[in-house]
Amino acid sequence: SPLNGNNYLTWSRSIIIALKAKDKLGFINGKCKMSEQNDKNYEEWQRADNIVMSWILNALFKDLVETFFYATNAYELWEELKERFED
């Protein structure tokens, strides 16, 4: 179920499981760092990061999306959510 502010622990666990299954966990735990813009892999990294961001944003209760919409990458988005909702 979407993150509503009261279910962060179960929500974050389900997101982590889904990202592990898609081999994308590195985008939120800092292991898959952003490529330099002049790096040939930058566009590929950016595309994958945008996919992860969209998965996370689509897993938020609609009233929360606008608050977190302007994160610049998936890691930043994940850290902002953790800071706000983790007990």
PDB file of N, CA and C in Angstrom:
ATOM      1  N   SER A   1       0.841  -1.190   0.000  1.00  0.00           N
ATOM      2  CA  SER A   1       0.000   0.000   0.000  1.00  0.00           C
ATOM      3  C   SER A   1       0.885   1.253   0.000  1.00  0.00           C
ATOM      4  N   PRO A   2       0.389   2.346  -0.510  1.00  0.00           N
ATOM      5  CA  PRO A   2       1.194   3.569  -0.611  1.00  0.00           C
ATOM      6  C   PRO A   2       1.619   4.099   0.756  1.00  0.00           C
ATOM      7  N   LEU A   3       2.737   4.804   0.773  1.00  0.00           N
ATOM      8  CA  LEU A   3       3.187   5.454   1.998  1.00  0.00           C
ATOM      9  C   LEU A   3       2.195   6.548   2.347  1.00  0.00           C
ATOM     10  N   ASN A   4       1.676   6.486   3.579  1.00  0.00           N
ATOM     11  CA  ASN A   4       0.704   7.478   4.019  1.00  0.00           C
ATOM     12  C   ASN A   4       1.208   8.302   5.195  1.00  0.00           C
ATOM     13  N   GLY A   5       2.433   8.041   5.626  1.00  0.00           N
ATOM     14  CA  GLY A   5       2.998   8.763   6.758  1.00  0.00           C
ATOM     15  C   GLY A   5       3.031   7.938   8.023  1.00  0.00           C
ATOM     16  N   ASN A   6       2.188   6.915   8.103  1.00  0.00           N
ATOM     17  CA  ASN A   6       2.111   6.079   9.302  1.00  0.00           C
ATOM     18  C   ASN A   6       2.624   4.666   9.079  1.00  0.00           C
ATOM     19  N   ASN A   7       2.971   4.329   7.875  1.00  0.00           N
ATOM     20  CA  ASN A   7       3.358   2.951   7.549  1.00  0.00           C
ATOM     21  C   ASN A   7       4.759   2.872   6.940  1.00  0.00           C
ATOM     22  N   TYR A   8       5.644   3.782   7.360  1.00  0.00           N
ATOM     23  CA  TYR A   8       6.956   3.880   6.724  1.00  0.00           C
ATOM     24  C   TYR A   8       7.745   2.577   6.783  1.00  0.00           C
ATOM     25  N   LEU A   9       7.795   1.920   7.930  1.00  0.00           N
ATOM     26  CA  LEU A   9       8.633   0.726   8.057  1.00  0.00           C
ATOM     27  C   LEU A   9       8.213  -0.379   7.101  1.00  0.00           C
ATOM     28  N   THR A  10       6.924  -0.679   7.048  1.00  0.00           N
ATOM     29  CA  THR A  10       6.474  -1.732   6.131  1.00  0.00           C
ATOM     30  C   THR A  10       6.586  -1.274   4.680  1.00  0.00           C
ATOM     31  N   TRP A  11       6.280  -0.012   4.432  1.00  0.00           N
ATOM     32  CA  TRP A  11       6.383   0.527   3.078  1.00  0.00           C
ATOM     33  C   TRP A  11       7.826   0.478   2.582  1.00  0.00           C
ATOM     34  N   SER A  12       8.760   0.954   3.396  1.00  0.00           N
ATOM     35  CA  SER A  12      10.161   0.987   2.959  1.00  0.00           C
ATOM     36  C   SER A  12      10.696  -0.421   2.733  1.00  0.00           C
ATOM     37  N   ARG A  13      10.283  -1.367   3.562  1.00  0.00           N
ATOM     38  CA  ARG A  13      10.719  -2.758   3.377  1.00  0.00           C
ATOM     39  C   ARG A  13      10.210  -3.297   2.039  1.00  0.00           C
ATOM     40  N   SER A  14       8.967  -2.992   1.696  1.00  0.00           N
ATOM     41  CA  SER A  14       8.424  -3.489   0.425  1.00  0.00           C
ATOM     42  C   SER A  14       9.126  -2.840  -0.767  1.00  0.00           C
ATOM     43  N   ILE A  15       9.492  -1.570  -0.652  1.00  0.00           N
ATOM     44  CA  ILE A  15      10.233  -0.893  -1.725  1.00  0.00           C
ATOM     45  C   ILE A  15      11.617  -1.517  -1.874  1.00  0.00           C
ATOM     46  N   ILE A  16      12.285  -1.775  -0.762  1.00  0.00           N
ATOM     47  CA  ILE A  16      13.616  -2.389  -0.799  1.00  0.00           C
ATOM     48  C   ILE A  16      13.559  -3.758  -1.468  1.00  0.00           C
ATOM     49  N   ILE A  17      12.573  -4.555  -1.120  1.00  0.00           N
ATOM     50  CA  ILE A  17      12.421  -5.882  -1.729  1.00  0.00           C
ATOM     51  C   ILE A  17      12.219  -5.754  -3.240  1.00  0.00           C
ATOM     52  N   ALA A  18      11.351  -4.833  -3.648  1.00  0.00           N
ATOM     53  CA  ALA A  18      11.083  -4.639  -5.079  1.00  0.00           C
ATOM     54  C   ALA A  18      12.336  -4.167  -5.819  1.00  0.00           C
ATOM     55  N   LEU A  19      13.088  -3.253  -5.220  1.00  0.00           N
ATOM     56  CA  LEU A  19      14.294  -2.750  -5.874  1.00  0.00           C
ATOM     57  C   LEU A  19      15.378  -3.818  -5.945  1.00  0.00           C
ATOM     58  N   LYS A  20      15.476  -4.653  -4.925  1.00  0.00           N
ATOM     59  CA  LYS A  20      16.424  -5.776  -4.984  1.00  0.00           C
ATOM     60  C   LYS A  20      16.061  -6.703  -6.140  1.00  0.00           C
ATOM     61  N   ALA A  21      14.775  -6.971  -6.294  1.00  0.00           N
ATOM     62  CA  ALA A  21      14.317  -7.866  -7.360  1.00  0.00           C
ATOM     63  C   ALA A  21      14.660  -7.311  -8.741  1.00  0.00           C
ATOM     64  N   LYS A  22      14.664  -5.999  -8.871  1.00  0.00           N
ATOM     65  CA  LYS A  22      14.973  -5.350 -10.151  1.00  0.00           C
ATOM     66  C   LYS A  22      16.448  -4.953 -10.265  1.00  0.00           C
ATOM     67  N   ASP A  23      17.258  -5.347  -9.284  1.00  0.00           N
ATOM     68  CA  ASP A  23      18.687  -5.019  -9.244  1.00  0.00           C
ATOM     69  C   ASP A  23      18.914  -3.505  -9.297  1.00  0.00           C
ATOM     70  N   LYS A  24      18.100  -2.759  -8.538  1.00  0.00           N
ATOM     71  CA  LYS A  24      18.188  -1.299  -8.525  1.00  0.00           C
ATOM     72  C   LYS A  24      18.388  -0.732  -7.119  1.00  0.00           C
ATOM     73  N   LEU A  25      18.670  -1.567  -6.136  1.00  0.00           N
ATOM     74  CA  LEU A  25      18.808  -1.098  -4.757  1.00  0.00           C
ATOM     75  C   LEU A  25      19.921  -0.061  -4.617  1.00  0.00           C
ATOM     76  N   GLY A  26      20.962  -0.175  -5.414  1.00  0.00           N
ATOM     77  CA  GLY A  26      22.084   0.758  -5.349  1.00  0.00           C
ATOM     78  C   GLY A  26      21.704   2.208  -5.570  1.00  0.00           C
ATOM     79  N   PHE A  27      20.587   2.456  -6.211  1.00  0.00           N
ATOM     80  CA  PHE A  27      20.157   3.830  -6.463  1.00  0.00           C
ATOM     81  C   PHE A  27      19.653   4.520  -5.204  1.00  0.00           C
ATOM     82  N   ILE A  28      19.216   3.745  -4.194  1.00  0.00           N
ATOM     83  CA  ILE A  28      18.747   4.382  -2.963  1.00  0.00           C
ATOM     84  C   ILE A  28      19.707   4.202  -1.795  1.00  0.00           C
ATOM     85  N   ASN A  29      20.644   3.279  -1.897  1.00  0.00           N
ATOM     86  CA  ASN A  29      21.572   3.091  -0.778  1.00  0.00           C
ATOM     87  C   ASN A  29      22.932   3.740  -1.029  1.00  0.00           C
ATOM     88  N   GLY A  30      23.077   4.425  -2.149  1.00  0.00           N
ATOM     89  CA  GLY A  30      24.295   5.165  -2.433  1.00  0.00           C
ATOM     90  C   GLY A  30      25.388   4.375  -3.131  1.00  0.00           C
ATOM     91  N   LYS A  31      25.161   3.112  -3.415  1.00  0.00           N
ATOM     92  CA  LYS A  31      26.195   2.294  -4.060  1.00  0.00           C
ATOM     93  C   LYS A  31      26.279   2.527  -5.569  1.00  0.00           C
ATOM     94  N   CYS A  32      25.184   2.963  -6.164  1.00  0.00           N
ATOM     95  CA  CYS A  32      25.175   3.253  -7.602  1.00  0.00           C
ATOM     96  C   CYS A  32      25.218   4.774  -7.754  1.00  0.00           C
ATOM     97  N   LYS A  33      26.415   5.297  -7.743  1.00  0.00           N
ATOM     98  CA  LYS A  33      26.604   6.746  -7.744  1.00  0.00           C
ATOM     99  C   LYS A  33      26.377   7.336  -9.136  1.00  0.00           C
ATOM    100  N   MET A  34      25.989   8.599  -9.131  1.00  0.00           N
ATOM    101  CA  MET A  34      25.721   9.290 -10.379  1.00  0.00           C
ATOM    102  C   MET A  34      26.990   9.406 -11.214  1.00  0.00           C
ATOM    103  N   SER A  35      26.858   9.120 -12.479  1.00  0.00           N
ATOM    104  CA  SER A  35      27.960   9.311 -13.418  1.00  0.00           C
ATOM    105  C   SER A  35      28.140  10.801 -13.669  1.00  0.00           C
ATOM    106  N   GLU A  36      29.339  11.193 -14.042  1.00  0.00           N
ATOM    107  CA  GLU A  36      29.578  12.582 -14.445  1.00  0.00           C
ATOM    108  C   GLU A  36      28.805  12.839 -15.740  1.00  0.00           C
ATOM    109  N   GLN A  37      28.347  14.068 -15.939  1.00  0.00           N
ATOM    110  CA  GLN A  37      27.545  14.373 -17.124  1.00  0.00           C
ATOM    111  C   GLN A  37      28.288  14.108 -18.424  1.00  0.00           C
ATOM    112  N   ASN A  38      29.597  14.218 -18.426  1.00  0.00           N
ATOM    113  CA  ASN A  38      30.348  13.961 -19.659  1.00  0.00           C
ATOM    114  C   ASN A  38      30.730  12.487 -19.801  1.00  0.00           C
ATOM    115  N   ASP A  39      30.364  11.669 -18.835  1.00  0.00           N
ATOM    116  CA  ASP A  39      30.617  10.226 -18.886  1.00  0.00           C
ATOM    117  C   ASP A  39      29.648   9.594 -19.890  1.00  0.00           C
ATOM    118  N   LYS A  40      30.142   8.647 -20.661  1.00  0.00           N
ATOM    119  CA  LYS A  40      29.285   7.992 -21.665  1.00  0.00           C
ATOM    120  C   LYS A  40      28.128   7.232 -21.020  1.00  0.00           C
ATOM    121  N   ASN A  41      28.244   6.891 -19.737  1.00  0.00           N
ATOM    122  CA  ASN A  41      27.186   6.154 -19.043  1.00  0.00           C
ATOM    123  C   ASN A  41      26.183   7.056 -18.337  1.00  0.00           C
ATOM    124  N   TYR A  42      26.366   8.378 -18.426  1.00  0.00           N
ATOM    125  CA  TYR A  42      25.503   9.303 -17.690  1.00  0.00           C
ATOM    126  C   TYR A  42      24.033   9.156 -18.072  1.00  0.00           C
ATOM    127  N   GLU A  43      23.738   9.139 -19.354  1.00  0.00           N
ATOM    128  CA  GLU A  43      22.336   9.054 -19.786  1.00  0.00           C
ATOM    129  C   GLU A  43      21.696   7.750 -19.327  1.00  0.00           C
ATOM    130  N   GLU A  44      22.452   6.670 -19.381  1.00  0.00           N
ATOM    131  CA  GLU A  44      21.935   5.379 -18.918  1.00  0.00           C
ATOM    132  C   GLU A  44      21.668   5.420 -17.413  1.00  0.00           C
ATOM    133  N   TRP A  45      22.595   6.003 -16.650  1.00  0.00           N
ATOM    134  CA  TRP A  45      22.402   6.130 -15.205  1.00  0.00           C
ATOM    135  C   TRP A  45      21.177   6.995 -14.914  1.00  0.00           C
ATOM    136  N   GLN A  46      21.067   8.125 -15.605  1.00  0.00           N
ATOM    137  CA  GLN A  46      19.959   9.048 -15.375  1.00  0.00           C
ATOM    138  C   GLN A  46      18.614   8.387 -15.688  1.00  0.00           C
ATOM    139  N   ARG A  47      18.565   7.635 -16.766  1.00  0.00           N
ATOM    140  CA  ARG A  47      17.324   6.946 -17.128  1.00  0.00           C
ATOM    141  C   ARG A  47      16.930   5.952 -16.044  1.00  0.00           C
ATOM    142  N   ALA A  48      17.879   5.143 -15.582  1.00  0.00           N
ATOM    143  CA  ALA A  48      17.590   4.158 -14.541  1.00  0.00           C
ATOM    144  C   ALA A  48      17.200   4.845 -13.235  1.00  0.00           C
ATOM    145  N   ASP A  49      17.885   5.931 -12.889  1.00  0.00           N
ATOM    146  CA  ASP A  49      17.561   6.670 -11.670  1.00  0.00           C
ATOM    147  C   ASP A  49      16.156   7.261 -11.754  1.00  0.00           C
ATOM    148  N   ASN A  50      15.787   7.782 -12.912  1.00  0.00           N
ATOM    149  CA  ASN A  50      14.435   8.326 -13.095  1.00  0.00           C
ATOM    150  C   ASN A  50      13.375   7.241 -12.958  1.00  0.00           C
ATOM    151  N   ILE A  51      13.676   6.051 -13.426  1.00  0.00           N
ATOM    152  CA  ILE A  51      12.743   4.934 -13.269  1.00  0.00           C
ATOM    153  C   ILE A  51      12.539   4.633 -11.793  1.00  0.00           C
ATOM    154  N   VAL A  52      13.635   4.554 -11.037  1.00  0.00           N
ATOM    155  CA  VAL A  52      13.537   4.279  -9.599  1.00  0.00           C
ATOM    156  C   VAL A  52      12.759   5.390  -8.900  1.00  0.00           C
ATOM    157  N   MET A  53      13.044   6.636  -9.250  1.00  0.00           N
ATOM    158  CA  MET A  53      12.300   7.752  -8.652  1.00  0.00           C
ATOM    159  C   MET A  53      10.810   7.640  -8.947  1.00  0.00           C
ATOM    160  N   SER A  54      10.460   7.283 -10.168  1.00  0.00           N
ATOM    161  CA  SER A  54       9.040   7.176 -10.514  1.00  0.00           C
ATOM    162  C   SER A  54       8.371   6.048  -9.740  1.00  0.00           C
ATOM    163  N   TRP A  55       9.075   4.927  -9.549  1.00  0.00           N
ATOM    164  CA  TRP A  55       8.510   3.836  -8.752  1.00  0.00           C
ATOM    165  C   TRP A  55       8.225   4.301  -7.330  1.00  0.00           C
ATOM    166  N   ILE A  56       9.182   5.018  -6.744  1.00  0.00           N
ATOM    167  CA  ILE A  56       9.007   5.489  -5.366  1.00  0.00           C
ATOM    168  C   ILE A  56       7.882   6.516  -5.293  1.00  0.00           C
ATOM    169  N   LEU A  57       7.889   7.501  -6.181  1.00  0.00           N
ATOM    170  CA  LEU A  57       6.844   8.530  -6.155  1.00  0.00           C
ATOM    171  C   LEU A  57       5.458   7.933  -6.374  1.00  0.00           C
ATOM    172  N   ASN A  58       5.363   6.928  -7.228  1.00  0.00           N
ATOM    173  CA  ASN A  58       4.074   6.278  -7.465  1.00  0.00           C
ATOM    174  C   ASN A  58       3.635   5.398  -6.303  1.00  0.00           C
ATOM    175  N   ALA A  59       4.535   5.175  -5.345  1.00  0.00           N
ATOM    176  CA  ALA A  59       4.204   4.377  -4.162  1.00  0.00           C
ATOM    177  C   ALA A  59       3.910   5.265  -2.953  1.00  0.00           C
ATOM    178  N   LEU A  60       3.718   6.563  -3.202  1.00  0.00           N
ATOM    179  CA  LEU A  60       3.359   7.499  -2.138  1.00  0.00           C
ATOM    180  C   LEU A  60       1.876   7.829  -2.229  1.00  0.00           C
ATOM    181  N   PHE A  61       1.273   8.085  -1.078  1.00  0.00           N
ATOM    182  CA  PHE A  61      -0.087   8.600  -1.043  1.00  0.00           C
ATOM    183  C   PHE A  61      -0.088   9.916  -1.814  1.00  0.00           C
ATOM    184  N   LYS A  62      -1.097  10.149  -2.619  1.00  0.00           N
ATOM    185  CA  LYS A  62      -1.118  11.297  -3.534  1.00  0.00           C
ATOM    186  C   LYS A  62      -0.825  12.632  -2.849  1.00  0.00           C
ATOM    187  N   ASP A  63      -1.296  12.810  -1.620  1.00  0.00           N
ATOM    188  CA  ASP A  63      -1.064  14.074  -0.913  1.00  0.00           C
ATOM    189  C   ASP A  63       0.406  14.308  -0.578  1.00  0.00           C
ATOM    190  N   LEU A  64       1.221  13.263  -0.593  1.00  0.00           N
ATOM    191  CA  LEU A  64       2.642  13.391  -0.264  1.00  0.00           C
ATOM    192  C   LEU A  64       3.520  13.646  -1.487  1.00  0.00           C
ATOM    193  N   VAL A  65       3.034  13.313  -2.658  1.00  0.00           N
ATOM    194  CA  VAL A  65       3.870  13.378  -3.863  1.00  0.00           C
ATOM    195  C   VAL A  65       4.439  14.776  -4.086  1.00  0.00           C
ATOM    196  N   GLU A  66       3.625  15.805  -3.982  1.00  0.00           N
ATOM    197  CA  GLU A  66       4.099  17.166  -4.250  1.00  0.00           C
ATOM    198  C   GLU A  66       5.220  17.579  -3.311  1.00  0.00           C
ATOM    199  N   THR A  67       5.191  17.088  -2.082  1.00  0.00           N
ATOM    200  CA  THR A  67       6.219  17.434  -1.104  1.00  0.00           C
ATOM    201  C   THR A  67       7.586  16.920  -1.522  1.00  0.00           C
ATOM    202  N   PHE A  68       7.625  15.771  -2.174  1.00  0.00           N
ATOM    203  CA  PHE A  68       8.889  15.117  -2.496  1.00  0.00           C
ATOM    204  C   PHE A  68       9.212  15.119  -3.992  1.00  0.00           C
ATOM    205  N   PHE A  69       8.392  15.761  -4.779  1.00  0.00           N
ATOM    206  CA  PHE A  69       8.502  15.733  -6.232  1.00  0.00           C
ATOM    207  C   PHE A  69       9.798  16.347  -6.765  1.00  0.00           C
ATOM    208  N   TYR A  70      10.401  17.248  -6.019  1.00  0.00           N
ATOM    209  CA  TYR A  70      11.547  17.996  -6.545  1.00  0.00           C
ATOM    210  C   TYR A  70      12.905  17.433  -6.134  1.00  0.00           C
ATOM    211  N   ALA A  71      12.938  16.237  -5.588  1.00  0.00           N
ATOM    212  CA  ALA A  71      14.223  15.590  -5.313  1.00  0.00           C
ATOM    213  C   ALA A  71      14.956  15.415  -6.637  1.00  0.00           C
ATOM    214  N   THR A  72      16.268  15.548  -6.620  1.00  0.00           N
ATOM    215  CA  THR A  72      17.021  15.510  -7.875  1.00  0.00           C
ATOM    216  C   THR A  72      17.426  14.110  -8.308  1.00  0.00           C
ATOM    217  N   ASN A  73      17.408  13.162  -7.374  1.00  0.00           N
ATOM    218  CA  ASN A  73      17.726  11.782  -7.733  1.00  0.00           C
ATOM    219  C   ASN A  73      17.093  10.835  -6.715  1.00  0.00           C
ATOM    220  N   ALA A  74      17.131   9.549  -7.002  1.00  0.00           N
ATOM    221  CA  ALA A  74      16.463   8.556  -6.157  1.00  0.00           C
ATOM    222  C   ALA A  74      17.066   8.498  -4.758  1.00  0.00           C
ATOM    223  N   TYR A  75      18.383   8.629  -4.666  1.00  0.00           N
ATOM    224  CA  TYR A  75      19.033   8.595  -3.350  1.00  0.00           C
ATOM    225  C   TYR A  75      18.553   9.757  -2.489  1.00  0.00           C
ATOM    226  N   GLU A  76      18.515  10.956  -3.053  1.00  0.00           N
ATOM    227  CA  GLU A  76      18.044  12.135  -2.325  1.00  0.00           C
ATOM    228  C   GLU A  76      16.582  11.959  -1.904  1.00  0.00           C
ATOM    229  N   LEU A  77      15.762  11.468  -2.797  1.00  0.00           N
ATOM    230  CA  LEU A  77      14.355  11.223  -2.500  1.00  0.00           C
ATOM    231  C   LEU A  77      14.219  10.248  -1.339  1.00  0.00           C
ATOM    232  N   TRP A  78      14.954   9.140  -1.407  1.00  0.00           N
ATOM    233  CA  TRP A  78      14.892   8.117  -0.362  1.00  0.00           C
ATOM    234  C   TRP A  78      15.330   8.687   0.991  1.00  0.00           C
ATOM    235  N   GLU A  79      16.406   9.468   0.990  1.00  0.00           N
ATOM    236  CA  GLU A  79      16.907  10.054   2.238  1.00  0.00           C
ATOM    237  C   GLU A  79      15.911  11.060   2.816  1.00  0.00           C
ATOM    238  N   GLU A  80      15.259  11.842   1.971  1.00  0.00           N
ATOM    239  CA  GLU A  80      14.248  12.794   2.440  1.00  0.00           C
ATOM    240  C   GLU A  80      13.064  12.066   3.065  1.00  0.00           C
ATOM    241  N   LEU A  81      12.632  10.988   2.441  1.00  0.00           N
ATOM    242  CA  LEU A  81      11.530  10.203   2.994  1.00  0.00           C
ATOM    243  C   LEU A  81      11.929   9.575   4.328  1.00  0.00           C
ATOM    244  N   LYS A  82      13.131   9.045   4.379  1.00  0.00           N
ATOM    245  CA  LYS A  82      13.620   8.422   5.612  1.00  0.00           C
ATOM    246  C   LYS A  82      13.692   9.450   6.743  1.00  0.00           C
ATOM    247  N   GLU A  83      14.232  10.617   6.438  1.00  0.00           N
ATOM    248  CA  GLU A  83      14.369  11.666   7.447  1.00  0.00           C
ATOM    249  C   GLU A  83      13.011  12.093   8.002  1.00  0.00           C
ATOM    250  N   ARG A  84      12.036  12.160   7.139  1.00  0.00           N
ATOM    251  CA  ARG A  84      10.717  12.628   7.582  1.00  0.00           C
ATOM    252  C   ARG A  84       9.908  11.561   8.307  1.00  0.00           C
ATOM    253  N   PHE A  85       9.992  10.298   7.868  1.00  0.00           N
ATOM    254  CA  PHE A  85       9.062   9.290   8.374  1.00  0.00           C
ATOM    255  C   PHE A  85       9.657   8.192   9.244  1.00  0.00           C
ATOM    256  N   GLU A  86      10.970   7.989   9.192  1.00  0.00           N
ATOM    257  CA  GLU A  86      11.553   6.915   9.998  1.00  0.00           C
ATOM    258  C   GLU A  86      11.497   7.302  11.470  1.00  0.00           C
ATOM    259  N   ASP A  87      11.090   6.368  12.298  1.00  0.00           N
ATOM    260  CA  ASP A  87      10.980   6.660  13.743  1.00  0.00           C
ATOM    261  C   ASP A  87      12.303   6.663  14.427  1.00  0.00           C
TER     262      ASP A  87
END
